[in-house]
C-alpha atoms as a PDB file:
ATOM      1  CA  MET A   1      21.617   4.988 -32.074  1.00  0.00           C
ATOM      2  CA  THR A   2      22.720   8.084 -33.949  1.00  0.00           C
ATOM      3  CA  ASP A   3      25.493   8.572 -31.382  1.00  0.00           C
ATOM      4  CA  VAL A   4      26.804   5.084 -32.137  1.00  0.00           C
ATOM      5  CA  ASN A   5      26.673   5.764 -35.863  1.00  0.00           C
ATOM      6  CA  GLU A   6      28.474   9.060 -35.384  1.00  0.00           C
ATOM      7  CA  VAL A   7      31.196   7.460 -33.262  1.00  0.00           C
ATOM      8  CA  THR A   8      31.573   4.693 -35.854  1.00  0.00           C
ATOM      9  CA  ALA A   9      31.866   7.228 -38.657  1.00  0.00           C
ATOM     10  CA  ASN A  10      34.442   9.232 -36.703  1.00  0.00           C
ATOM     11  CA  ALA A  11      36.440   6.079 -35.986  1.00  0.00           C
ATOM     12  CA  ARG A  12      36.407   5.153 -39.681  1.00  0.00           C
ATOM     13  CA  ASP A  13      37.592   8.639 -40.629  1.00  0.00           C
ATOM     14  CA  ALA A  14      40.382   8.462 -38.063  1.00  0.00           C
ATOM     15  CA  LEU A  15      41.392   5.033 -39.341  1.00  0.00           C
ATOM     16  CA  ARG A  16      41.533   6.307 -42.924  1.00  0.00           C
ATOM     17  CA  ASP A  17      43.716   9.215 -41.813  1.00  0.00           C
ATOM     18  CA  VAL A  18      46.085   6.878 -39.985  1.00  0.00           C
ATOM     19  CA  GLN A  19      46.213   4.516 -42.954  1.00  0.00           C
ATOM     20  CA  GLY A  20      47.095   7.419 -45.234  1.00  0.00           C
ATOM     21  CA  GLN A  21      49.865   8.560 -42.910  1.00  0.00           C
ATOM     22  CA  VAL A  22      51.276   5.045 -42.603  1.00  0.00           C
ATOM     23  CA  THR A  23      51.223   4.637 -46.375  1.00  0.00           C
ATOM     24  CA  GLU A  24      53.095   7.915 -46.826  1.00  0.00           C
ATOM     25  CA  ARG A  25      55.718   6.920 -44.250  1.00  0.00           C
ATOM     26  CA  MET A  26      56.149   3.502 -45.837  1.00  0.00           C
ATOM     27  CA  ASP A  27      56.689   5.156 -49.223  1.00  0.00           C
ATOM     28  CA  ASP A  28      59.320   7.407 -47.630  1.00  0.00           C
ATOM     29  CA  VAL A  29      61.067   4.424 -46.046  1.00  0.00           C
ATOM     30  CA  ARG A  30      60.906   2.470 -49.300  1.00  0.00           C
ATOM     31  CA  GLY A  31      62.470   5.388 -51.171  1.00  0.00           C
ATOM     32  CA  TYR A  32      65.211   5.712 -48.558  1.00  0.00           C
ATOM     33  CA  ALA A  33      65.938   1.980 -48.719  1.00  0.00           C
ATOM     34  CA  GLU A  34      66.180   2.062 -52.514  1.00  0.00           C
ATOM     35  CA  SER A  35      68.535   5.043 -52.329  1.00  0.00           C
ATOM     36  CA  ALA A  36      70.695   3.356 -49.682  1.00  0.00           C
ATOM     37  CA  ASP A  37      70.761   0.142 -51.720  1.00  0.00           C
ATOM     38  CA  SER A  38      71.918   2.021 -54.807  1.00  0.00           C
ATOM     39  CA  THR A  39      74.615   3.851 -52.855  1.00  0.00           C
ATOM     40  CA  ILE A  40      75.908   0.649 -51.262  1.00  0.00           C
ATOM     41  CA  ARG A  41      75.979  -1.186 -54.600  1.00  0.00           C
ATOM     42  CA  ASP A  42      77.894   1.678 -56.230  1.00  0.00           C
ATOM     43  CA  PHE A  43      80.381   1.723 -53.346  1.00  0.00           C
ATOM     44  CA  ALA A  44      80.872  -2.051 -53.584  1.00  0.00           C
ATOM     45  CA  ARG A  45      81.499  -1.824 -57.339  1.00  0.00           C
ATOM     46  CA  GLU A  46      84.015   1.007 -56.953  1.00  0.00           C
ATOM     47  CA  LYS A  47      85.877  -0.411 -53.933  1.00  0.00           C
ATOM     48  CA  PRO A  48      85.151  -4.121 -53.568  1.00  0.00           C
ATOM     49  CA  LEU A  49      87.968  -4.911 -51.113  1.00  0.00           C
ATOM     50  CA  LEU A  50      86.971  -2.082 -48.804  1.00  0.00           C
ATOM     51  CA  ALA A  51      83.328  -3.197 -49.007  1.00  0.00           C
ATOM     52  CA  ILE A  52      84.338  -6.735 -48.005  1.00  0.00           C
ATOM     53  CA  ALA A  53      86.469  -5.396 -45.152  1.00  0.00           C
ATOM     54  CA  CYS A  54      83.518  -3.317 -43.900  1.00  0.00           C
ATOM     55  CA  ALA A  55      81.210  -6.322 -44.080  1.00  0.00           C
ATOM     56  CA  VAL A  56      83.695  -8.450 -42.128  1.00  0.00           C
ATOM     57  CA  GLY A  57      84.085  -5.694 -39.529  1.00  0.00           C
ATOM     58  CA  VAL A  58      80.354  -5.275 -39.078  1.00  0.00           C
ATOM     59  CA  GLY A  59      79.927  -9.047 -38.861  1.00  0.00           C
ATOM     60  CA  PHE A  60      82.657  -9.228 -36.219  1.00  0.00           C
ATOM     61  CA  ILE A  61      80.992  -6.509 -34.152  1.00  0.00           C
ATOM     62  CA  PHE A  62      77.578  -8.158 -34.377  1.00  0.00           C
ATOM     63  CA  GLY A  63      79.151 -11.489 -33.465  1.00  0.00           C
ATOM     64  CA  ARG A  64      80.772 -10.009 -30.377  1.00  0.00           C
ATOM     65  CA  LEU A  65      77.522  -8.357 -29.326  1.00  0.00           C
ATOM     66  CA  ALA A  66      75.581 -11.584 -29.855  1.00  0.00           C
ATOM     67  CA  ALA A  67      78.136 -13.558 -27.835  1.00  0.00           C
ATOM     68  CA  ARG A  68      77.529 -11.310 -24.805  1.00  0.00           C
ATOM     69  CA  SER A  69      73.877 -12.293 -24.595  1.00  0.00           C
END
């Protein structure tokens, strides 16, 4: 039974390590998303017509790709 307990303890430790790594990565992604959001909002405020044109262009491209499916 001690082998089972040891394996269980090792699995719990491994799970905690993975959870910590996932949490760190999610924090990194969240920070990147907030930075990208801020940059996009600033760009849209400075050049609204260009931002609209980019959005239309991206929408057109996605529409063409979706129509191929």
